[in-house]
Amino acid sequence: MVYCRSIIAAALVASVAIGATTSTPSAMESAQPSATAAPEPKTFGPTSDCQKYHIFSVRGSSEPYPGRMGPLIQSICQGLGEEDCGYEDVRYPANSSYDGPGMFCQSASTGAKNGQRQMQEYSDRCQDSGLILLGYSQGASVAGDILGGGGGFLYGCDQPENPPLNRTSRPGSKIIAAATWGAVRHTANQTFNQGEGSSYDGVLPRSGALLEGIKQFSRVYRDWCHYGDVICAVGSQGNIKDEEMDPQQHWNYFEGNNSDSARQWIIDTAKNGGNVSTDDDNSANDDVSSQGEPEDQQDSGANERRIQGTIWVALMSAVWLSVWCL
């Protein structure tokens, strides 16, 4: 009888012990740090990696890269998903007319050519990526020249001509959003204009082929201009001397919440035009959905069922032994 009791006790203890190993962790246990190290936060900076969304940024005159647009670019990528979004700077001098005769024209021409080349190279390498083009001040005009073609006389010099992008072939066909602020070549009363300076011309408005070239992108392009901006809304401050003009309305596009509506438009437009999933991506998603539970969850469930079966066997053994020992 003592022997039977010992066996029964052992079976019951075993079942309790096994059950304890499968019990739900306590709140304290759940709060303990995982043995797996947390992933390092992503450092935001320029990249040439292939991603779903890739921003090309064209800074303003004399600004360091990426210029005033830096915080906005980061915020846009956060809205699009940081793992899916990156940016690179269009490489150009960003010289102004204050740097010497002809410097603006040389700078703008270099920016337009480099921008088109960078976009072409990226799009050839990353054919499924949606492209976003942003520019401010001189960079806004360079961005416009990238899209619609450039050239002409301004600031006392002749800017060499460059052709527009072709909307029907890469990289033009991959542009899913473009936005500019305070453009030298802002043109009054265009459907893509935004802001209270929309009805004013800039220092050198577009016309003819240069205007038609940029109109082909009007569905995905917006050009912001403040009333009182001495660069994109010439005459909006009245007939005053250049040295008396207040440049604040040209400088504050990205201060406070001034760029909130632009940010949201860029994100929404990019997402609507950014259906760049490949067939491989779709097939992978189909495979996951057909499996039901993910593999690690399936393994966890199978293990739990095996342990529960072991507990049941131990308990039944204890019951059978108690009957046998009677």
Foldseek 3Di string as FASTA:
>chain_A
DVVLVVLLVVLVVVLVVLVVVPDDDDPVVVPDDDPDDDDDDDDADADLDQALEEEEAEEAAPADPPHPCVVLQVVLCVLQPVRRYHYDYQDFNSHDCVVDPPPLLVRLLSSLVSVLVSQQVSCVVRVLHAYEYEYAESGLQSSLCNAQWDWDDDSNDTRDTDHHDDCVDPPNVRHQAYEYELYLQQDADDPQEDEPLRRAAFRHHDDDSSVVRNVVCSVRYHYYYYQQQCGGHPCSVHPDDPVPRDNVRRVCCNPDCNCVVVSVSNNVRCVVPSPRDDPVNVVVVVVVVVVPDPPVVVVVVVVVVVSVVVSVVSNVVSVVSVVVVD
